[in-house]
Each structure stands twice: as C-alpha cells, then as structure tokens.
Amino acid sequence: ADSVKGRFTISRDNAKNMVYLQMNSLKPEDTA
C-alpha cells in the first residue's frame, strides 16, 4: 500500500511456512 511503502517489508520462508511483516517508522495512523 502506498501508505506503508519504504517503511514495511513483507517476507516469507517457504521452508518454515512462515510469512512476516517488518514494520519500521511506525506512525499512530498504523494503529489497527
């Protein structure tokens, strides 16, 4: 989403069946 570009990163580990969301520079409007 445009609102998170450059701040959030999605990644996945197919061997472990895991998906991650690294969220940096969080803002109050990210509250959800």
Full PDB file with SEQRES, HELIX, SHEET, SSBOND, CRYST1, ORIGX, SCALE, CONECT and MASTER records, all heavy atoms in Angstrom:
SEQRES   1 A   32  ALA ASP SER VAL LYS GLY ARG PHE THR ILE SER ARG ASP          
SEQRES   2 A   32  ASN ALA LYS ASN MET VAL TYR LEU GLN MET ASN SER LEU          
SEQRES   3 A   32  LYS PRO GLU ASP THR ALA                                      
HELIX    1 AA1 PRO A   28  ASP A   30  5                                   3    
SHEET    1 AA1 2 PHE A   8  ASP A  13  0                                        
SHEET    2 AA1 2 MET A  18  MET A  23 -1                                        
CRYST1    1.000    1.000    1.000  90.00  90.00  90.00 P 1           1          
ORIGX1      1.000000  0.000000  0.000000        0.00000                         
ORIGX2      0.000000  1.000000  0.000000        0.00000                         
ORIGX3      0.000000  0.000000  1.000000        0.00000                         
SCALE1      1.000000  0.000000  0.000000        0.00000                         
SCALE2      0.000000  1.000000  0.000000        0.00000                         
SCALE3      0.000000  0.000000  1.000000        0.00000                         
ATOM      1  N   ALA A   1       0.852  -1.175   0.000  1.00  0.00           N  
ATOM      2  CA  ALA A   1       0.000   0.000   0.000  1.00  0.00           C  
ATOM      3  C   ALA A   1       0.896   1.235   0.000  1.00  0.00           C  
ATOM      4  O   ALA A   1       1.980   1.230   0.604  1.00  0.00           O  
ATOM      5  CB  ALA A   1      -0.896  -0.003   1.235  1.00  0.00           C  
ATOM      6  N   ASP A   2       0.448   2.286  -0.669  1.00  0.00           N  
ATOM      7  CA  ASP A   2       1.260   3.498  -0.741  1.00  0.00           C  
ATOM      8  C   ASP A   2       1.607   4.033   0.648  1.00  0.00           C  
ATOM      9  O   ASP A   2       2.692   4.575   0.850  1.00  0.00           O  
ATOM     10  CB  ASP A   2       0.509   4.579  -1.526  1.00  0.00           C  
ATOM     11  CG  ASP A   2       0.468   4.284  -3.019  1.00  0.00           C  
ATOM     12  OD1 ASP A   2       1.264   3.447  -3.494  1.00  0.00           O  
ATOM     13  OD2 ASP A   2      -0.369   4.883  -3.720  1.00  0.00           O  
ATOM     14  N   SER A   3       0.698   3.861   1.576  1.00  0.00           N  
ATOM     15  CA  SER A   3       0.891   4.424   2.911  1.00  0.00           C  
ATOM     16  C   SER A   3       2.008   3.751   3.701  1.00  0.00           C  
ATOM     17  O   SER A   3       2.473   4.301   4.707  1.00  0.00           O  
ATOM     18  CB  SER A   3      -0.411   4.332   3.705  1.00  0.00           C  
ATOM     19  OG  SER A   3      -0.838   2.984   3.803  1.00  0.00           O  
ATOM     20  N   VAL A   4       2.455   2.571   3.262  1.00  0.00           N  
ATOM     21  CA  VAL A   4       3.495   1.859   4.017  1.00  0.00           C  
ATOM     22  C   VAL A   4       4.771   1.643   3.215  1.00  0.00           C  
ATOM     23  O   VAL A   4       5.751   1.110   3.747  1.00  0.00           O  
ATOM     24  CB  VAL A   4       2.981   0.501   4.543  1.00  0.00           C  
ATOM     25  CG1 VAL A   4       1.684   0.675   5.327  1.00  0.00           C  
ATOM     26  CG2 VAL A   4       2.809  -0.510   3.421  1.00  0.00           C  
ATOM     27  N   LYS A   5       4.772   2.044   1.952  1.00  0.00           N  
ATOM     28  CA  LYS A   5       5.963   1.846   1.120  1.00  0.00           C  
ATOM     29  C   LYS A   5       7.173   2.518   1.747  1.00  0.00           C  
ATOM     30  O   LYS A   5       7.099   3.664   2.195  1.00  0.00           O  
ATOM     31  CB  LYS A   5       5.724   2.410  -0.281  1.00  0.00           C  
ATOM     32  CG  LYS A   5       4.922   1.497  -1.179  1.00  0.00           C  
ATOM     33  CD  LYS A   5       4.720   2.113  -2.553  1.00  0.00           C  
ATOM     34  CE  LYS A   5       3.858   1.222  -3.426  1.00  0.00           C  
ATOM     35  NZ  LYS A   5       3.566   1.835  -4.736  1.00  0.00           N  
ATOM     36  N   GLY A   6       8.280   1.786   1.771  1.00  0.00           N  
ATOM     37  CA  GLY A   6       9.509   2.314   2.346  1.00  0.00           C  
ATOM     38  C   GLY A   6       9.609   2.130   3.849  1.00  0.00           C  
ATOM     39  O   GLY A   6      10.670   2.355   4.429  1.00  0.00           O  
ATOM     40  N   ARG A   7       8.512   1.714   4.480  1.00  0.00           N  
ATOM     41  CA  ARG A   7       8.526   1.510   5.933  1.00  0.00           C  
ATOM     42  C   ARG A   7       8.282   0.057   6.315  1.00  0.00           C  
ATOM     43  O   ARG A   7       8.846  -0.427   7.305  1.00  0.00           O  
ATOM     44  CB  ARG A   7       7.456   2.388   6.598  1.00  0.00           C  
ATOM     45  CG  ARG A   7       7.627   3.863   6.366  1.00  0.00           C  
ATOM     46  CD  ARG A   7       6.657   4.681   7.214  1.00  0.00           C  
ATOM     47  NE  ARG A   7       5.255   4.420   6.905  1.00  0.00           N  
ATOM     48  CZ  ARG A   7       4.356   3.989   7.789  1.00  0.00           C  
ATOM     49  NH1 ARG A   7       4.711   3.770   9.043  1.00  0.00           N  
ATOM     50  NH2 ARG A   7       3.099   3.790   7.424  1.00  0.00           N  
ATOM     51  N   PHE A   8       7.448  -0.632   5.558  1.00  0.00           N  
ATOM     52  CA  PHE A   8       7.100  -2.023   5.862  1.00  0.00           C  
ATOM     53  C   PHE A   8       7.740  -2.947   4.823  1.00  0.00           C  
ATOM     54  O   PHE A   8       7.860  -2.585   3.643  1.00  0.00           O  
ATOM     55  CB  PHE A   8       5.590  -2.224   5.809  1.00  0.00           C  
ATOM     56  CG  PHE A   8       4.809  -1.552   6.914  1.00  0.00           C  
ATOM     57  CD1 PHE A   8       5.385  -0.626   7.763  1.00  0.00           C  
ATOM     58  CD2 PHE A   8       3.469  -1.864   7.100  1.00  0.00           C  
ATOM     59  CE1 PHE A   8       4.655  -0.019   8.770  1.00  0.00           C  
ATOM     60  CE2 PHE A   8       2.718  -1.266   8.090  1.00  0.00           C  
ATOM     61  CZ  PHE A   8       3.321  -0.332   8.922  1.00  0.00           C  
ATOM     62  N   THR A   9       8.090  -4.143   5.273  1.00  0.00           N  
ATOM     63  CA  THR A   9       8.640  -5.154   4.366  1.00  0.00           C  
ATOM     64  C   THR A   9       7.995  -6.496   4.657  1.00  0.00           C  
ATOM     65  O   THR A   9       8.015  -6.962   5.806  1.00  0.00           O  
ATOM     66  CB  THR A   9      10.159  -5.275   4.545  1.00  0.00           C  
ATOM     67  OG1 THR A   9      10.774  -4.004   4.316  1.00  0.00           O  
ATOM     68  CG2 THR A   9      10.727  -6.291   3.560  1.00  0.00           C  
ATOM     69  N   ILE A  10       7.446  -7.114   3.615  1.00  0.00           N  
ATOM     70  CA  ILE A  10       6.893  -8.460   3.742  1.00  0.00           C  
ATOM     71  C   ILE A  10       7.942  -9.458   3.277  1.00  0.00           C  
ATOM     72  O   ILE A  10       8.670  -9.212   2.318  1.00  0.00           O  
ATOM     73  CB  ILE A  10       5.580  -8.602   2.930  1.00  0.00           C  
ATOM     74  CG1 ILE A  10       4.907  -9.948   3.220  1.00  0.00           C  
ATOM     75  CG2 ILE A  10       5.822  -8.427   1.435  1.00  0.00           C  
ATOM     76  CD1 ILE A  10       3.505 -10.066   2.632  1.00  0.00           C  
ATOM     77  N   SER A  11       8.020 -10.561   3.994  1.00  0.00           N  
ATOM     78  CA  SER A  11       8.936 -11.629   3.593  1.00  0.00           C  
ATOM     79  C   SER A  11       8.303 -12.967   3.941  1.00  0.00           C  
ATOM     80  O   SER A  11       7.367 -13.033   4.734  1.00  0.00           O  
ATOM     81  CB  SER A  11      10.297 -11.481   4.281  1.00  0.00           C  
ATOM     82  OG  SER A  11      10.166 -11.558   5.688  1.00  0.00           O  
ATOM     83  N   ARG A  12       8.821 -14.021   3.344  1.00  0.00           N  
ATOM     84  CA  ARG A  12       8.263 -15.342   3.574  1.00  0.00           C  
ATOM     85  C   ARG A  12       9.394 -16.359   3.649  1.00  0.00           C  
ATOM     86  O   ARG A  12      10.441 -16.184   3.021  1.00  0.00           O  
ATOM     87  CB  ARG A  12       7.267 -15.717   2.481  1.00  0.00           C  
ATOM     88  CG  ARG A  12       7.880 -15.769   1.089  1.00  0.00           C  
ATOM     89  CD  ARG A  12       6.792 -15.767   0.006  1.00  0.00           C  
ATOM     90  NE  ARG A  12       6.044 -17.010  -0.044  1.00  0.00           N  
ATOM     91  CZ  ARG A  12       4.921 -17.162  -0.731  1.00  0.00           C  
ATOM     92  NH1 ARG A  12       4.396 -16.127  -1.402  1.00  0.00           N  
ATOM     93  NH2 ARG A  12       4.287 -18.328  -0.743  1.00  0.00           N  
ATOM     94  N   ASP A  13       9.160 -17.408   4.411  1.00  0.00           N  
ATOM     95  CA  ASP A  13      10.084 -18.527   4.499  1.00  0.00           C  
ATOM     96  C   ASP A  13       9.280 -19.761   4.135  1.00  0.00           C  
ATOM     97  O   ASP A  13       8.550 -20.309   4.976  1.00  0.00           O  
ATOM     98  CB  ASP A  13      10.663 -18.622   5.912  1.00  0.00           C  
ATOM     99  CG  ASP A  13      11.727 -19.692   6.043  1.00  0.00           C  
ATOM    100  OD1 ASP A  13      11.704 -20.655   5.234  1.00  0.00           O  
ATOM    101  OD2 ASP A  13      12.559 -19.588   6.945  1.00  0.00           O  
ATOM    102  N   ASN A  14       9.390 -20.187   2.893  1.00  0.00           N  
ATOM    103  CA  ASN A  14       8.582 -21.320   2.423  1.00  0.00           C  
ATOM    104  C   ASN A  14       8.946 -22.627   3.118  1.00  0.00           C  
ATOM    105  O   ASN A  14       8.117 -23.514   3.260  1.00  0.00           O  
ATOM    106  CB  ASN A  14       8.723 -21.480   0.911  1.00  0.00           C  
ATOM    107  CG  ASN A  14       8.046 -20.358   0.150  1.00  0.00           C  
ATOM    108  OD1 ASN A  14       7.092 -19.742   0.629  1.00  0.00           O  
ATOM    109  ND2 ASN A  14       8.549 -20.072  -1.038  1.00  0.00           N  
ATOM    110  N   ALA A  15      10.186 -22.749   3.565  1.00  0.00           N  
ATOM    111  CA  ALA A  15      10.604 -23.983   4.243  1.00  0.00           C  
ATOM    112  C   ALA A  15       9.933 -24.118   5.609  1.00  0.00           C  
ATOM    113  O   ALA A  15       9.725 -25.230   6.101  1.00  0.00           O  
ATOM    114  CB  ALA A  15      12.117 -23.992   4.398  1.00  0.00           C  
ATOM    115  N   LYS A  16       9.607 -22.972   6.208  1.00  0.00           N  
ATOM    116  CA  LYS A  16       9.004 -22.982   7.542  1.00  0.00           C  
ATOM    117  C   LYS A  16       7.517 -22.639   7.526  1.00  0.00           C  
ATOM    118  O   LYS A  16       6.886 -22.566   8.584  1.00  0.00           O  
ATOM    119  CB  LYS A  16       9.738 -21.984   8.453  1.00  0.00           C  
ATOM    120  CG  LYS A  16      11.189 -22.333   8.703  1.00  0.00           C  
ATOM    121  CD  LYS A  16      11.838 -21.318   9.632  1.00  0.00           C  
ATOM    122  CE  LYS A  16      13.290 -21.685   9.901  1.00  0.00           C  
ATOM    123  NZ  LYS A  16      13.942 -20.688  10.794  1.00  0.00           N  
ATOM    124  N   ASN A  17       6.965 -22.403   6.347  1.00  0.00           N  
ATOM    125  CA  ASN A  17       5.561 -21.985   6.235  1.00  0.00           C  
ATOM    126  C   ASN A  17       5.289 -20.730   7.079  1.00  0.00           C  
ATOM    127  O   ASN A  17       4.304 -20.673   7.836  1.00  0.00           O  
ATOM    128  CB  ASN A  17       4.598 -23.107   6.656  1.00  0.00           C  
ATOM    129  CG  ASN A  17       4.374 -24.115   5.561  1.00  0.00           C  
ATOM    130  OD1 ASN A  17       5.158 -24.210   4.624  1.00  0.00           O  
ATOM    131  ND2 ASN A  17       3.314 -24.890   5.662  1.00  0.00           N  
ATOM    132  N   MET A  18       6.170 -19.746   6.928  1.00  0.00           N  
ATOM    133  CA  MET A  18       6.043 -18.514   7.712  1.00  0.00           C  
ATOM    134  C   MET A  18       6.016 -17.313   6.775  1.00  0.00           C  
ATOM    135  O   MET A  18       6.694 -17.280   5.738  1.00  0.00           O  
ATOM    136  CB  MET A  18       7.224 -18.351   8.662  1.00  0.00           C  
ATOM    137  CG  MET A  18       7.329 -19.402   9.751  1.00  0.00           C  
ATOM    138  SD  MET A  18       6.051 -19.245  11.016  1.00  0.00           S  
ATOM    139  CE  MET A  18       6.471 -17.659  11.739  1.00  0.00           C  
ATOM    140  N   VAL A  19       5.255 -16.302   7.177  1.00  0.00           N  
ATOM    141  CA  VAL A  19       5.288 -15.026   6.489  1.00  0.00           C  
ATOM    142  C   VAL A  19       5.420 -13.943   7.555  1.00  0.00           C  
ATOM    143  O   VAL A  19       4.867 -14.075   8.652  1.00  0.00           O  
ATOM    144  CB  VAL A  19       4.048 -14.817   5.597  1.00  0.00           C  
ATOM    145  CG1 VAL A  19       2.761 -14.856   6.393  1.00  0.00           C  
ATOM    146  CG2 VAL A  19       4.149 -13.526   4.792  1.00  0.00           C  
ATOM    147  N   TYR A  20       6.161 -12.906   7.236  1.00  0.00           N  
ATOM    148  CA  TYR A  20       6.497 -11.870   8.197  1.00  0.00           C  
ATOM    149  C   TYR A  20       6.134 -10.490   7.643  1.00  0.00           C  
ATOM    150  O   TYR A  20       6.094 -10.276   6.432  1.00  0.00           O  
ATOM    151  CB  TYR A  20       7.991 -11.900   8.512  1.00  0.00           C  
ATOM    152  CG  TYR A  20       8.509 -13.238   8.943  1.00  0.00           C  
ATOM    153  CD1 TYR A  20       9.129 -14.093   8.033  1.00  0.00           C  
ATOM    154  CD2 TYR A  20       8.386 -13.662  10.264  1.00  0.00           C  
ATOM    155  CE1 TYR A  20       9.606 -15.331   8.422  1.00  0.00           C  
ATOM    156  CE2 TYR A  20       8.861 -14.900  10.663  1.00  0.00           C  
ATOM    157  CZ  TYR A  20       9.474 -15.731   9.741  1.00  0.00           C  
ATOM    158  OH  TYR A  20       9.936 -16.960  10.136  1.00  0.00           O  
ATOM    159  N   LEU A  21       5.936  -9.567   8.556  1.00  0.00           N  
ATOM    160  CA  LEU A  21       5.787  -8.170   8.178  1.00  0.00           C  
ATOM    161  C   LEU A  21       6.655  -7.343   9.124  1.00  0.00           C  
ATOM    162  O   LEU A  21       6.347  -7.245  10.319  1.00  0.00           O  
ATOM    163  CB  LEU A  21       4.332  -7.713   8.258  1.00  0.00           C  
ATOM    164  CG  LEU A  21       4.080  -6.286   7.766  1.00  0.00           C  
ATOM    165  CD1 LEU A  21       4.289  -6.202   6.252  1.00  0.00           C  
ATOM    166  CD2 LEU A  21       2.670  -5.809   8.131  1.00  0.00           C  
ATOM    167  N   GLN A  22       7.750  -6.826   8.596  1.00  0.00           N  
ATOM    168  CA  GLN A  22       8.615  -5.946   9.367  1.00  0.00           C  
ATOM    169  C   GLN A  22       8.087  -4.528   9.206  1.00  0.00           C  
ATOM    170  O   GLN A  22       7.997  -4.024   8.078  1.00  0.00           O  
ATOM    171  CB  GLN A  22      10.056  -6.040   8.876  1.00  0.00           C  
ATOM    172  CG  GLN A  22      11.015  -5.109   9.591  1.00  0.00           C  
ATOM    173  CD  GLN A  22      11.205  -5.465  11.051  1.00  0.00           C  
ATOM    174  OE1 GLN A  22      11.349  -6.633  11.396  1.00  0.00           O  
ATOM    175  NE2 GLN A  22      11.198  -4.464  11.922  1.00  0.00           N  
ATOM    176  N   MET A  23       7.755  -3.896  10.314  1.00  0.00           N  
ATOM    177  CA  MET A  23       7.177  -2.557  10.288  1.00  0.00           C  
ATOM    178  C   MET A  23       8.115  -1.601  11.003  1.00  0.00           C  
ATOM    179  O   MET A  23       8.364  -1.752  12.206  1.00  0.00           O  
ATOM    180  CB  MET A  23       5.797  -2.566  10.963  1.00  0.00           C  
ATOM    181  CG  MET A  23       4.835  -3.585  10.385  1.00  0.00           C  
ATOM    182  SD  MET A  23       3.179  -3.487  11.079  1.00  0.00           S  
ATOM    183  CE  MET A  23       3.507  -4.007  12.758  1.00  0.00           C  
ATOM    184  N   ASN A  24       8.642  -0.648  10.261  1.00  0.00           N  
ATOM    185  CA  ASN A  24       9.551   0.357  10.812  1.00  0.00           C  
ATOM    186  C   ASN A  24       8.913   1.741  10.724  1.00  0.00           C  
ATOM    187  O   ASN A  24       7.960   1.945   9.980  1.00  0.00           O  
ATOM    188  CB  ASN A  24      10.869   0.346  10.045  1.00  0.00           C  
ATOM    189  CG  ASN A  24      11.599  -0.975  10.156  1.00  0.00           C  
ATOM    190  OD1 ASN A  24      11.509  -1.677  11.158  1.00  0.00           O  
ATOM    191  ND2 ASN A  24      12.336  -1.324   9.104  1.00  0.00           N  
ATOM    192  N   SER A  25       9.475   2.662  11.452  1.00  0.00           N  
ATOM    193  CA  SER A  25       8.992   4.054  11.445  1.00  0.00           C  
ATOM    194  C   SER A  25       7.476   4.110  11.616  1.00  0.00           C  
ATOM    195  O   SER A  25       6.770   4.795  10.871  1.00  0.00           O  
ATOM    196  CB  SER A  25       9.402   4.740  10.133  1.00  0.00           C  
ATOM    197  OG  SER A  25      10.798   4.707   9.960  1.00  0.00           O  
ATOM    198  N   LEU A  26       7.001   3.397  12.600  1.00  0.00           N  
ATOM    199  CA  LEU A  26       5.556   3.295  12.800  1.00  0.00           C  
ATOM    200  C   LEU A  26       4.954   4.633  13.196  1.00  0.00           C  
ATOM    201  O   LEU A  26       5.583   5.451  13.903  1.00  0.00           O  
ATOM    202  CB  LEU A  26       5.255   2.238  13.854  1.00  0.00           C  
ATOM    203  CG  LEU A  26       5.326   0.807  13.336  1.00  0.00           C  
ATOM    204  CD1 LEU A  26       5.502  -0.189  14.464  1.00  0.00           C  
ATOM    205  CD2 LEU A  26       4.094   0.469  12.508  1.00  0.00           C  
ATOM    206  N   LYS A  27       3.729   4.844  12.724  1.00  0.00           N  
ATOM    207  CA  LYS A  27       3.001   6.080  12.977  1.00  0.00           C  
ATOM    208  C   LYS A  27       1.691   5.755  13.711  1.00  0.00           C  
ATOM    209  O   LYS A  27       1.177   4.638  13.582  1.00  0.00           O  
ATOM    210  CB  LYS A  27       2.653   6.757  11.650  1.00  0.00           C  
ATOM    211  CG  LYS A  27       3.842   7.028  10.746  1.00  0.00           C  
ATOM    212  CD  LYS A  27       3.381   7.580   9.410  1.00  0.00           C  
ATOM    213  CE  LYS A  27       4.551   7.843   8.473  1.00  0.00           C  
ATOM    214  NZ  LYS A  27       4.107   8.372   7.160  1.00  0.00           N  
ATOM    215  N   PRO A  28       1.149   6.711  14.428  1.00  0.00           N  
ATOM    216  CA  PRO A  28      -0.143   6.459  15.103  1.00  0.00           C  
ATOM    217  C   PRO A  28      -1.225   5.979  14.138  1.00  0.00           C  
ATOM    218  O   PRO A  28      -2.069   5.160  14.518  1.00  0.00           O  
ATOM    219  CB  PRO A  28      -0.485   7.822  15.703  1.00  0.00           C  
ATOM    220  CG  PRO A  28       0.846   8.457  15.959  1.00  0.00           C  
ATOM    221  CD  PRO A  28       1.709   8.024  14.813  1.00  0.00           C  
ATOM    222  N   GLU A  29      -1.171   6.432  12.900  1.00  0.00           N  
ATOM    223  CA  GLU A  29      -2.191   6.022  11.930  1.00  0.00           C  
ATOM    224  C   GLU A  29      -2.005   4.587  11.442  1.00  0.00           C  
ATOM    225  O   GLU A  29      -2.824   4.091  10.657  1.00  0.00           O  
ATOM    226  CB  GLU A  29      -2.229   6.979  10.735  1.00  0.00           C  
ATOM    227  CG  GLU A  29      -0.893   7.249  10.085  1.00  0.00           C  
ATOM    228  CD  GLU A  29      -0.245   8.528  10.591  1.00  0.00           C  
ATOM    229  OE1 GLU A  29      -0.293   8.787  11.820  1.00  0.00           O  
ATOM    230  OE2 GLU A  29       0.327   9.264   9.755  1.00  0.00           O  
ATOM    231  N   ASP A  30      -0.940   3.918  11.875  1.00  0.00           N  
ATOM    232  CA  ASP A  30      -0.780   2.499  11.593  1.00  0.00           C  
ATOM    233  C   ASP A  30      -1.527   1.635  12.609  1.00  0.00           C  
ATOM    234  O   ASP A  30      -1.581   0.408  12.461  1.00  0.00           O  
ATOM    235  CB  ASP A  30       0.700   2.104  11.604  1.00  0.00           C  
ATOM    236  CG  ASP A  30       1.487   2.759  10.484  1.00  0.00           C  
ATOM    237  OD1 ASP A  30       0.982   2.799   9.346  1.00  0.00           O  
ATOM    238  OD2 ASP A  30       2.619   3.215  10.748  1.00  0.00           O  
ATOM    239  N   THR A  31      -2.071   2.253  13.627  1.00  0.00           N  
ATOM    240  CA  THR A  31      -2.810   1.514  14.647  1.00  0.00           C  
ATOM    241  C   THR A  31      -4.016   0.829  14.033  1.00  0.00           C  
ATOM    242  O   THR A  31      -4.876   1.468  13.423  1.00  0.00           O  
ATOM    243  CB  THR A  31      -3.258   2.454  15.763  1.00  0.00           C  
ATOM    244  OG1 THR A  31      -2.115   3.000  16.414  1.00  0.00           O  
ATOM    245  CG2 THR A  31      -4.137   1.726  16.775  1.00  0.00           C  
ATOM    246  N   ALA A  32      -4.076  -0.493  14.180  1.00  0.00           N  
ATOM    247  CA  ALA A  32      -5.131  -1.291  13.560  1.00  0.00           C  
ATOM    248  C   ALA A  32      -4.975  -2.741  14.003  1.00  0.00           C  
ATOM    249  O   ALA A  32      -3.989  -3.091  14.657  1.00  0.00           O  
ATOM    250  CB  ALA A  32      -5.043  -1.218  12.032  1.00  0.00           C  
TER     251      ALA A  32                                                      
MASTER        0    0    0    1    2    0    0    6  250    1    0    3          
END                                                                             
